[in-house]
Amino acid sequence: MQKHFSRACLAFTGLFWLSGCSSLSSLGFSSDYSMYDTARDFIDENEVRSNGAVVDKGQYYPKSAYSYTYRYCSNSPEQAAEDIAQFQNLARQVCDLNNGQLNHQETGTWCVVNTNTAEEYPFFSASISGTDQWADLCLDGPFVTLKVIENDGAPDDEWYSSAIVLGYLPYTAERRLLDAPATATALIEPTRAPAANGAWTEESEHIYTSVGENVCLYERPRNSTLGYTYRGTVRNATDGKVRVLVTEKYKGDIRTAPTLERLDWHEEAYITANAKAWFVCSS
């Protein structure tokens, strides 16, 4: 049975005020309390946060249906750190309210129920990060990006399959979780791209069958805080892999980076990777 966030507000008055105490009356989330609504209230709480923009609007299902990414300029490094800590606490509290547990995977932190059992089920994924790499665009503080992946009202089986495509790793005896961060409420940023678990998507199908399409590949080595985006055109595809003539390289993930900062790259170079690793991007 769906619940309104307001029913839980008083329970956290002594710990932290759940901003806005959102209602789920018009939405059909699998979880009882919505991390998406909480994130929206968190953003609307002050002018600094609300002066940002929604980014990374996926063209293809399921990302177009379940993902939400937002970024804004903080007004100081201290405020950015406070915002990050506040959002992390909100994610933990929303997960607790749903009787879930934070599950740290390579694809990010997921709130799940019945963790490490065959009955494990994902409620949502949440992450937040700040970077000062684009300080020229943020005059006073770091750039803050927050992401939420959550059911928008689809049937549970449809949501479960979509969550897997978007990065959730179901429980298996072979699955290895990442160690919990030093701070119990910290959210782990994804180190692997969505669909890296082998899922085939509508976007993958389009890329695999569209020679000449402009596509990108994002890579973030473990020792890099930003990673790189490679952009080029599809030349051919075979055995589930796509060969792309890459002519451009950019700093960070161009889907969420505030500006396209081009880096040195070969005049021409080919990259071959699984179709699911690429995404459609503009020229």
C-alpha atoms as a PDB file:
ATOM      1  CA  MET A   1       0.000   0.000   0.000  1.00  0.00           C
ATOM      2  CA  GLN A   2       1.377   3.369  -1.018  1.00  0.00           C
ATOM      3  CA  LYS A   3       2.025   5.920   1.687  1.00  0.00           C
ATOM      4  CA  HIS A   4       2.469   9.676   1.825  1.00  0.00           C
ATOM      5  CA  PHE A   5       5.820  11.022   2.914  1.00  0.00           C
ATOM      6  CA  SER A   6       4.063  13.281   5.420  1.00  0.00           C
ATOM      7  CA  ARG A   7       3.226  10.250   7.571  1.00  0.00           C
ATOM      8  CA  ALA A   8       6.909   9.734   8.225  1.00  0.00           C
ATOM      9  CA  CYS A   9       8.051  13.294   8.765  1.00  0.00           C
ATOM     10  CA  LEU A  10       7.556  13.386  12.502  1.00  0.00           C
ATOM     11  CA  ALA A  11       9.611  10.250  12.941  1.00  0.00           C
ATOM     12  CA  PHE A  12      12.667  12.123  11.761  1.00  0.00           C
ATOM     13  CA  THR A  13      12.062  15.493  13.355  1.00  0.00           C
ATOM     14  CA  GLY A  14      14.823  14.908  15.888  1.00  0.00           C
ATOM     15  CA  LEU A  15      17.255  13.662  13.266  1.00  0.00           C
ATOM     16  CA  PHE A  16      16.627  15.515  10.064  1.00  0.00           C
ATOM     17  CA  TRP A  17      13.709  17.271   8.450  1.00  0.00           C
ATOM     18  CA  LEU A  18      12.610  15.444   5.306  1.00  0.00           C
ATOM     19  CA  SER A  19      12.126  18.487   3.114  1.00  0.00           C
ATOM     20  CA  GLY A  20       8.686  18.902   1.661  1.00  0.00           C
ATOM     21  CA  CYS A  21       7.376  15.557   2.956  1.00  0.00           C
ATOM     22  CA  SER A  22       6.217  14.692  -0.558  1.00  0.00           C
ATOM     23  CA  SER A  23       3.063  12.839  -1.435  1.00  0.00           C
ATOM     24  CA  LEU A  24       2.929   9.876  -3.790  1.00  0.00           C
ATOM     25  CA  SER A  25      -0.790  10.253  -4.378  1.00  0.00           C
ATOM     26  CA  SER A  26      -0.378  10.784  -8.135  1.00  0.00           C
ATOM     27  CA  LEU A  27       2.419   8.289  -8.714  1.00  0.00           C
ATOM     28  CA  GLY A  28       2.684   4.544  -8.519  1.00  0.00           C
ATOM     29  CA  PHE A  29       6.137   3.775  -7.187  1.00  0.00           C
ATOM     30  CA  SER A  30       7.122   0.257  -6.183  1.00  0.00           C
ATOM     31  CA  SER A  31       8.576   1.653  -2.972  1.00  0.00           C
ATOM     32  CA  ASP A  32       6.293   3.188  -0.347  1.00  0.00           C
ATOM     33  CA  TYR A  33       8.317   6.404  -0.127  1.00  0.00           C
ATOM     34  CA  SER A  34       9.752   8.115  -3.202  1.00  0.00           C
ATOM     35  CA  MET A  35      13.422   9.066  -3.515  1.00  0.00           C
ATOM     36  CA  TYR A  36      12.554  10.976  -6.670  1.00  0.00           C
ATOM     37  CA  ASP A  37      10.055  13.161  -4.829  1.00  0.00           C
ATOM     38  CA  THR A  38      12.563  13.643  -2.006  1.00  0.00           C
ATOM     39  CA  ALA A  39      15.228  14.712  -4.507  1.00  0.00           C
ATOM     40  CA  ARG A  40      12.845  17.227  -6.071  1.00  0.00           C
ATOM     41  CA  ASP A  41      12.020  18.693  -2.655  1.00  0.00           C
ATOM     42  CA  PHE A  42      15.718  18.798  -1.813  1.00  0.00           C
ATOM     43  CA  ILE A  43      16.335  20.836  -4.989  1.00  0.00           C
ATOM     44  CA  ASP A  44      13.402  23.188  -4.379  1.00  0.00           C
ATOM     45  CA  GLU A  45      14.477  23.860  -0.809  1.00  0.00           C
ATOM     46  CA  ASN A  46      16.544  26.929  -1.719  1.00  0.00           C
ATOM     47  CA  GLU A  47      17.310  29.200  -4.649  1.00  0.00           C
ATOM     48  CA  VAL A  48      20.884  27.978  -5.097  1.00  0.00           C
ATOM     49  CA  ARG A  49      19.838  24.390  -5.760  1.00  0.00           C
ATOM     50  CA  SER A  50      16.757  25.275  -7.776  1.00  0.00           C
ATOM     51  CA  ASN A  51      18.844  27.426 -10.127  1.00  0.00           C
ATOM     52  CA  GLY A  52      20.200  24.339 -11.883  1.00  0.00           C
ATOM     53  CA  ALA A  53      18.999  22.160 -14.744  1.00  0.00           C
ATOM     54  CA  VAL A  54      17.805  18.651 -15.532  1.00  0.00           C
ATOM     55  CA  VAL A  55      20.368  16.848 -17.676  1.00  0.00           C
ATOM     56  CA  ASP A  56      20.963  13.496 -19.347  1.00  0.00           C
ATOM     57  CA  LYS A  57      17.489  13.080 -20.801  1.00  0.00           C
ATOM     58  CA  GLY A  58      17.688   9.637 -22.352  1.00  0.00           C
ATOM     59  CA  GLN A  59      15.958   9.205 -25.705  1.00  0.00           C
ATOM     60  CA  TYR A  60      15.426   5.501 -25.268  1.00  0.00           C
ATOM     61  CA  TYR A  61      13.499   3.268 -22.896  1.00  0.00           C
ATOM     62  CA  PRO A  62      14.025   2.388 -20.081  1.00  0.00           C
ATOM     63  CA  LYS A  63      16.327   5.301 -19.248  1.00  0.00           C
ATOM     64  CA  SER A  64      13.805   7.815 -20.568  1.00  0.00           C
ATOM     65  CA  ALA A  65      11.222   6.466 -18.113  1.00  0.00           C
ATOM     66  CA  TYR A  66      13.141   5.878 -14.908  1.00  0.00           C
ATOM     67  CA  SER A  67      16.224   8.120 -14.748  1.00  0.00           C
ATOM     68  CA  TYR A  68      16.503  11.637 -13.348  1.00  0.00           C
ATOM     69  CA  THR A  69      19.740  13.649 -13.295  1.00  0.00           C
ATOM     70  CA  TYR A  70      20.072  17.230 -12.049  1.00  0.00           C
ATOM     71  CA  ARG A  71      23.024  19.587 -11.638  1.00  0.00           C
ATOM     72  CA  TYR A  72      23.597  23.005 -10.099  1.00  0.00           C
ATOM     73  CA  CYS A  73      26.345  25.379  -8.964  1.00  0.00           C
ATOM     74  CA  SER A  74      26.808  25.467  -5.203  1.00  0.00           C
ATOM     75  CA  ASN A  75      27.622  28.781  -3.527  1.00  0.00           C
ATOM     76  CA  SER A  76      30.724  27.541  -1.662  1.00  0.00           C
ATOM     77  CA  PRO A  77      32.812  24.375  -1.160  1.00  0.00           C
ATOM     78  CA  GLU A  78      31.427  24.141   2.372  1.00  0.00           C
ATOM     79  CA  GLN A  79      27.837  24.361   1.151  1.00  0.00           C
ATOM     80  CA  ALA A  80      28.485  21.719  -1.496  1.00  0.00           C
ATOM     81  CA  ALA A  81      29.841  19.353   1.169  1.00  0.00           C
ATOM     82  CA  GLU A  82      26.800  20.052   3.361  1.00  0.00           C
ATOM     83  CA  ASP A  83      24.411  19.458   0.450  1.00  0.00           C
ATOM     84  CA  ILE A  84      26.094  16.157  -0.383  1.00  0.00           C
ATOM     85  CA  ALA A  85      25.900  14.989   3.225  1.00  0.00           C
ATOM     86  CA  GLN A  86      22.253  16.060   3.443  1.00  0.00           C
ATOM     87  CA  PHE A  87      21.287  14.215   0.266  1.00  0.00           C
ATOM     88  CA  GLN A  88      23.135  11.104   1.434  1.00  0.00           C
ATOM     89  CA  ASN A  89      21.211  11.177   4.711  1.00  0.00           C
ATOM     90  CA  LEU A  90      17.943  11.576   2.824  1.00  0.00           C
ATOM     91  CA  ALA A  91      18.734   8.554   0.662  1.00  0.00           C
ATOM     92  CA  ARG A  92      19.489   6.467   3.753  1.00  0.00           C
ATOM     93  CA  GLN A  93      16.309   7.637   5.489  1.00  0.00           C
ATOM     94  CA  VAL A  94      14.094   6.970   2.467  1.00  0.00           C
ATOM     95  CA  CYS A  95      15.655   3.519   2.156  1.00  0.00           C
ATOM     96  CA  ASP A  96      15.041   2.873   5.860  1.00  0.00           C
ATOM     97  CA  LEU A  97      11.419   3.990   5.510  1.00  0.00           C
ATOM     98  CA  ASN A  98      10.984   1.389   2.776  1.00  0.00           C
ATOM     99  CA  ASN A  99      12.528  -1.247   5.066  1.00  0.00           C
ATOM    100  CA  GLY A 100      15.416  -1.488   2.638  1.00  0.00           C
ATOM    101  CA  GLN A 101      19.185  -1.544   2.853  1.00  0.00           C
ATOM    102  CA  LEU A 102      21.793   0.348   0.843  1.00  0.00           C
ATOM    103  CA  ASN A 103      23.584  -2.046  -1.478  1.00  0.00           C
ATOM    104  CA  HIS A 104      26.888  -0.745  -2.920  1.00  0.00           C
ATOM    105  CA  GLN A 105      27.530  -2.040  -6.434  1.00  0.00           C
ATOM    106  CA  GLU A 106      29.889  -1.123  -9.265  1.00  0.00           C
ATOM    107  CA  THR A 107      26.934   0.559 -10.937  1.00  0.00           C
ATOM    108  CA  GLY A 108      26.236   2.730  -7.909  1.00  0.00           C
ATOM    109  CA  THR A 109      24.382   2.559  -4.614  1.00  0.00           C
ATOM    110  CA  TRP A 110      20.993   0.820  -4.745  1.00  0.00           C
ATOM    111  CA  CYS A 111      18.354   0.594  -2.031  1.00  0.00           C
ATOM    112  CA  VAL A 112      17.126  -2.998  -1.947  1.00  0.00           C
ATOM    113  CA  VAL A 113      14.945  -5.228   0.193  1.00  0.00           C
ATOM    114  CA  ASN A 114      15.962  -8.769   1.219  1.00  0.00           C
ATOM    115  CA  THR A 115      19.569  -7.997   0.380  1.00  0.00           C
ATOM    116  CA  ASN A 116      21.846 -10.881  -0.624  1.00  0.00           C
ATOM    117  CA  THR A 117      19.007 -13.347  -1.008  1.00  0.00           C
ATOM    118  CA  ALA A 118      17.162 -14.796  -3.994  1.00  0.00           C
ATOM    119  CA  GLU A 119      14.249 -12.496  -3.038  1.00  0.00           C
ATOM    120  CA  GLU A 120      16.317  -9.303  -3.308  1.00  0.00           C
ATOM    121  CA  TYR A 121      14.420  -6.483  -5.028  1.00  0.00           C
ATOM    122  CA  PRO A 122      15.580  -2.936  -5.918  1.00  0.00           C
ATOM    123  CA  PHE A 123      13.654   0.153  -4.841  1.00  0.00           C
ATOM    124  CA  PHE A 124      15.876   2.904  -6.214  1.00  0.00           C
ATOM    125  CA  SER A 125      19.413   4.032  -6.977  1.00  0.00           C
ATOM    126  CA  ALA A 126      20.714   7.390  -5.763  1.00  0.00           C
ATOM    127  CA  SER A 127      24.024   9.203  -6.040  1.00  0.00           C
ATOM    128  CA  ILE A 128      25.409  12.704  -5.591  1.00  0.00           C
ATOM    129  CA  SER A 129      28.808  14.161  -6.362  1.00  0.00           C
ATOM    130  CA  GLY A 130      30.592  17.483  -6.547  1.00  0.00           C
ATOM    131  CA  THR A 131      33.495  18.587  -8.698  1.00  0.00           C
ATOM    132  CA  ASP A 132      35.461  21.810  -9.014  1.00  0.00           C
ATOM    133  CA  GLN A 133      36.810  20.868 -12.431  1.00  0.00           C
ATOM    134  CA  TRP A 134      34.474  23.363 -14.079  1.00  0.00           C
ATOM    135  CA  ALA A 135      35.044  26.219 -11.617  1.00  0.00           C
ATOM    136  CA  ASP A 136      34.939  28.757 -14.453  1.00  0.00           C
ATOM    137  CA  LEU A 137      31.221  28.031 -14.802  1.00  0.00           C
ATOM    138  CA  CYS A 138      30.503  28.084 -11.075  1.00  0.00           C
ATOM    139  CA  LEU A 139      31.825  31.324  -9.619  1.00  0.00           C
ATOM    140  CA  ASP A 140      31.543  30.472  -5.929  1.00  0.00           C
ATOM    141  CA  GLY A 141      31.567  26.712  -5.452  1.00  0.00           C
ATOM    142  CA  PRO A 142      31.751  23.230  -6.964  1.00  0.00           C
ATOM    143  CA  PHE A 143      29.360  21.788  -9.490  1.00  0.00           C
ATOM    144  CA  VAL A 144      26.946  19.332  -7.849  1.00  0.00           C
ATOM    145  CA  THR A 145      25.224  16.502  -9.728  1.00  0.00           C
ATOM    146  CA  LEU A 146      22.585  14.190  -8.281  1.00  0.00           C
ATOM    147  CA  LYS A 147      21.002  11.157  -9.909  1.00  0.00           C
ATOM    148  CA  VAL A 148      17.989   9.018  -9.070  1.00  0.00           C
ATOM    149  CA  ILE A 149      16.727   5.869 -10.802  1.00  0.00           C
ATOM    150  CA  GLU A 150      13.294   4.816  -9.582  1.00  0.00           C
ATOM    151  CA  ASN A 151      10.062   3.218 -10.770  1.00  0.00           C
ATOM    152  CA  ASP A 152       7.577   5.684 -12.258  1.00  0.00           C
ATOM    153  CA  GLY A 153       4.532   3.493 -11.730  1.00  0.00           C
ATOM    154  CA  ALA A 154       5.205   0.539 -14.014  1.00  0.00           C
ATOM    155  CA  PRO A 155       4.359  -3.033 -12.937  1.00  0.00           C
ATOM    156  CA  ASP A 156       6.942  -4.562 -10.634  1.00  0.00           C
ATOM    157  CA  ASP A 157       8.223  -7.104 -13.175  1.00  0.00           C
ATOM    158  CA  GLU A 158       8.671  -4.411 -15.824  1.00  0.00           C
ATOM    159  CA  TRP A 159      10.505  -2.189 -13.343  1.00  0.00           C
ATOM    160  CA  TYR A 160      12.741  -5.058 -12.227  1.00  0.00           C
ATOM    161  CA  SER A 161      13.831  -5.783 -15.804  1.00  0.00           C
ATOM    162  CA  SER A 162      14.413  -2.084 -16.464  1.00  0.00           C
ATOM    163  CA  ALA A 163      16.453  -1.662 -13.287  1.00  0.00           C
ATOM    164  CA  ILE A 164      18.762  -4.435 -14.498  1.00  0.00           C
ATOM    165  CA  VAL A 165      19.240  -2.627 -17.809  1.00  0.00           C
ATOM    166  CA  LEU A 166      19.995   0.576 -15.896  1.00  0.00           C
ATOM    167  CA  GLY A 167      22.699  -1.046 -13.815  1.00  0.00           C
ATOM    168  CA  TYR A 168      21.166  -3.014 -10.956  1.00  0.00           C
ATOM    169  CA  LEU A 169      23.003  -6.311 -10.446  1.00  0.00           C
ATOM    170  CA  PRO A 170      20.635  -9.019  -9.134  1.00  0.00           C
ATOM    171  CA  TYR A 171      21.825 -11.319  -6.413  1.00  0.00           C
ATOM    172  CA  THR A 172      23.881 -14.348  -7.422  1.00  0.00           C
ATOM    173  CA  ALA A 173      26.403 -16.390  -5.507  1.00  0.00           C
ATOM    174  CA  GLU A 174      29.104 -14.856  -7.705  1.00  0.00           C
ATOM    175  CA  ARG A 175      28.040 -11.222  -7.247  1.00  0.00           C
ATOM    176  CA  ARG A 176      30.541  -9.137  -5.317  1.00  0.00           C
ATOM    177  CA  LEU A 177      29.437  -5.977  -3.558  1.00  0.00           C
ATOM    178  CA  LEU A 178      31.763  -3.069  -2.877  1.00  0.00           C
ATOM    179  CA  ASP A 179      32.840  -2.333   0.665  1.00  0.00           C
ATOM    180  CA  ALA A 180      30.668   0.227   2.402  1.00  0.00           C
ATOM    181  CA  PRO A 181      32.297   3.682   2.461  1.00  0.00           C
ATOM    182  CA  ALA A 182      33.836   4.956   5.703  1.00  0.00           C
ATOM    183  CA  THR A 183      30.737   7.103   6.197  1.00  0.00           C
ATOM    184  CA  ALA A 184      27.776   4.799   6.607  1.00  0.00           C
ATOM    185  CA  THR A 185      25.450   6.970   4.538  1.00  0.00           C
ATOM    186  CA  ALA A 186      27.808   7.675   1.634  1.00  0.00           C
ATOM    187  CA  LEU A 187      26.525   6.882  -1.845  1.00  0.00           C
ATOM    188  CA  ILE A 188      28.886   5.210  -4.279  1.00  0.00           C
ATOM    189  CA  GLU A 189      29.178   6.781  -7.714  1.00  0.00           C
ATOM    190  CA  PRO A 190      28.818   4.300 -10.595  1.00  0.00           C
ATOM    191  CA  THR A 191      32.086   2.940 -11.989  1.00  0.00           C
ATOM    192  CA  ARG A 192      30.328   1.051 -14.766  1.00  0.00           C
ATOM    193  CA  ALA A 193      27.963   2.259 -17.429  1.00  0.00           C
ATOM    194  CA  PRO A 194      24.277   1.248 -17.396  1.00  0.00           C
ATOM    195  CA  ALA A 195      23.549  -1.929 -19.397  1.00  0.00           C
ATOM    196  CA  ALA A 196      27.117  -3.085 -18.797  1.00  0.00           C
ATOM    197  CA  ASN A 197      25.635  -6.248 -17.314  1.00  0.00           C
ATOM    198  CA  GLY A 198      24.808  -7.610 -20.761  1.00  0.00           C
ATOM    199  CA  ALA A 199      21.296  -6.224 -21.209  1.00  0.00           C
ATOM    200  CA  TRP A 200      20.254  -5.316 -24.756  1.00  0.00           C
ATOM    201  CA  THR A 201      18.193  -2.156 -25.143  1.00  0.00           C
ATOM    202  CA  GLU A 202      16.221  -0.341 -27.827  1.00  0.00           C
ATOM    203  CA  GLU A 203      19.138   2.069 -28.084  1.00  0.00           C
ATOM    204  CA  SER A 204      21.618  -0.790 -28.489  1.00  0.00           C
ATOM    205  CA  GLU A 205      19.490  -2.233 -31.291  1.00  0.00           C
ATOM    206  CA  HIS A 206      19.336   1.126 -33.037  1.00  0.00           C
ATOM    207  CA  ILE A 207      23.103   1.642 -32.827  1.00  0.00           C
ATOM    208  CA  TYR A 208      23.820  -1.909 -34.006  1.00  0.00           C
ATOM    209  CA  THR A 209      21.714  -1.445 -37.138  1.00  0.00           C
ATOM    210  CA  SER A 210      22.552   2.188 -37.982  1.00  0.00           C
ATOM    211  CA  VAL A 211      25.797   2.650 -39.894  1.00  0.00           C
ATOM    212  CA  GLY A 212      26.724   6.341 -39.895  1.00  0.00           C
ATOM    213  CA  GLU A 213      24.972   7.145 -36.599  1.00  0.00           C
ATOM    214  CA  ASN A 214      26.769   9.524 -34.233  1.00  0.00           C
ATOM    215  CA  VAL A 215      27.530   7.641 -31.035  1.00  0.00           C
ATOM    216  CA  CYS A 216      29.525   8.128 -27.852  1.00  0.00           C
ATOM    217  CA  LEU A 217      31.226   5.914 -25.312  1.00  0.00           C
ATOM    218  CA  TYR A 218      31.942   7.005 -21.745  1.00  0.00           C
ATOM    219  CA  GLU A 219      34.836   5.504 -19.833  1.00  0.00           C
ATOM    220  CA  ARG A 220      35.856   6.281 -16.266  1.00  0.00           C
ATOM    221  CA  PRO A 221      38.985   4.478 -15.076  1.00  0.00           C
ATOM    222  CA  ARG A 222      39.008   3.670 -11.375  1.00  0.00           C
ATOM    223  CA  ASN A 223      41.776   6.200 -10.746  1.00  0.00           C
ATOM    224  CA  SER A 224      39.900   9.004 -12.523  1.00  0.00           C
ATOM    225  CA  THR A 225      37.327  11.290 -10.935  1.00  0.00           C
ATOM    226  CA  LEU A 226      35.790  12.353 -14.249  1.00  0.00           C
ATOM    227  CA  GLY A 227      36.589   9.925 -17.055  1.00  0.00           C
ATOM    228  CA  TYR A 228      36.298  10.621 -20.767  1.00  0.00           C
ATOM    229  CA  THR A 229      33.728  10.570 -23.559  1.00  0.00           C
ATOM    230  CA  TYR A 230      34.711   9.355 -27.038  1.00  0.00           C
ATOM    231  CA  ARG A 231      32.548  10.400 -29.986  1.00  0.00           C
ATOM    232  CA  GLY A 232      32.447   9.153 -33.566  1.00  0.00           C
ATOM    233  CA  THR A 233      30.372   7.402 -36.228  1.00  0.00           C
ATOM    234  CA  VAL A 234      29.342   3.764 -36.576  1.00  0.00           C
ATOM    235  CA  ARG A 235      31.242   2.017 -39.370  1.00  0.00           C
ATOM    236  CA  ASN A 236      30.117  -1.590 -38.977  1.00  0.00           C
ATOM    237  CA  ALA A 237      28.728  -4.071 -36.494  1.00  0.00           C
ATOM    238  CA  THR A 238      29.140  -7.803 -36.000  1.00  0.00           C
ATOM    239  CA  ASP A 239      28.811 -10.383 -33.216  1.00  0.00           C
ATOM    240  CA  GLY A 240      27.142  -7.854 -30.926  1.00  0.00           C
ATOM    241  CA  LYS A 241      30.016  -5.386 -31.221  1.00  0.00           C
ATOM    242  CA  VAL A 242      30.108  -2.014 -32.949  1.00  0.00           C
ATOM    243  CA  ARG A 243      33.182  -0.546 -34.638  1.00  0.00           C
ATOM    244  CA  VAL A 244      33.237   3.236 -34.430  1.00  0.00           C
ATOM    245  CA  LEU A 245      35.542   5.752 -36.109  1.00  0.00           C
ATOM    246  CA  VAL A 246      36.280   8.009 -33.149  1.00  0.00           C
ATOM    247  CA  THR A 247      37.416  11.529 -33.980  1.00  0.00           C
ATOM    248  CA  GLU A 248      36.741  13.403 -30.721  1.00  0.00           C
ATOM    249  CA  LYS A 249      37.540  12.989 -27.031  1.00  0.00           C
ATOM    250  CA  TYR A 250      36.017  15.087 -24.225  1.00  0.00           C
ATOM    251  CA  LYS A 251      36.576  15.501 -20.508  1.00  0.00           C
ATOM    252  CA  GLY A 252      33.943  13.882 -18.324  1.00  0.00           C
ATOM    253  CA  ASP A 253      30.576  12.449 -19.303  1.00  0.00           C
ATOM    254  CA  ILE A 254      29.131  14.771 -21.947  1.00  0.00           C
ATOM    255  CA  ARG A 255      25.614  13.793 -20.874  1.00  0.00           C
ATOM    256  CA  THR A 256      26.071  15.586 -17.557  1.00  0.00           C
ATOM    257  CA  ALA A 257      29.148  17.803 -17.991  1.00  0.00           C
ATOM    258  CA  PRO A 258      28.285  21.524 -17.962  1.00  0.00           C
ATOM    259  CA  THR A 259      30.486  22.196 -20.986  1.00  0.00           C
ATOM    260  CA  LEU A 260      32.203  20.244 -23.743  1.00  0.00           C
ATOM    261  CA  GLU A 261      35.920  20.468 -23.094  1.00  0.00           C
ATOM    262  CA  ARG A 262      37.657  18.790 -26.014  1.00  0.00           C
ATOM    263  CA  LEU A 263      40.905  16.938 -25.399  1.00  0.00           C
ATOM    264  CA  ASP A 264      43.728  15.925 -27.702  1.00  0.00           C
ATOM    265  CA  TRP A 265      42.919  12.843 -29.752  1.00  0.00           C
ATOM    266  CA  HIS A 266      44.133  11.034 -32.833  1.00  0.00           C
ATOM    267  CA  GLU A 267      43.054  12.375 -36.197  1.00  0.00           C
ATOM    268  CA  GLU A 268      41.445   8.999 -36.795  1.00  0.00           C
ATOM    269  CA  ALA A 269      41.167   6.006 -34.479  1.00  0.00           C
ATOM    270  CA  TYR A 270      38.774   3.082 -34.193  1.00  0.00           C
ATOM    271  CA  ILE A 271      37.188   1.744 -31.026  1.00  0.00           C
ATOM    272  CA  THR A 272      35.282  -1.542 -31.053  1.00  0.00           C
ATOM    273  CA  ALA A 273      32.983  -2.261 -28.124  1.00  0.00           C
ATOM    274  CA  ASN A 274      29.723  -4.025 -27.353  1.00  0.00           C
ATOM    275  CA  ALA A 275      26.699  -2.222 -28.760  1.00  0.00           C
ATOM    276  CA  LYS A 276      25.339  -1.783 -25.240  1.00  0.00           C
ATOM    277  CA  ALA A 277      28.398   0.297 -24.277  1.00  0.00           C
ATOM    278  CA  TRP A 278      27.581   3.073 -26.777  1.00  0.00           C
ATOM    279  CA  PHE A 279      24.870   5.714 -26.627  1.00  0.00           C
ATOM    280  CA  VAL A 280      23.444   8.024 -29.276  1.00  0.00           C
ATOM    281  CA  CYS A 281      24.802  11.570 -29.139  1.00  0.00           C
ATOM    282  CA  SER A 282      24.693  14.670 -31.302  1.00  0.00           C
ATOM    283  CA  SER A 283      27.418  15.604 -33.727  1.00  0.00           C
END
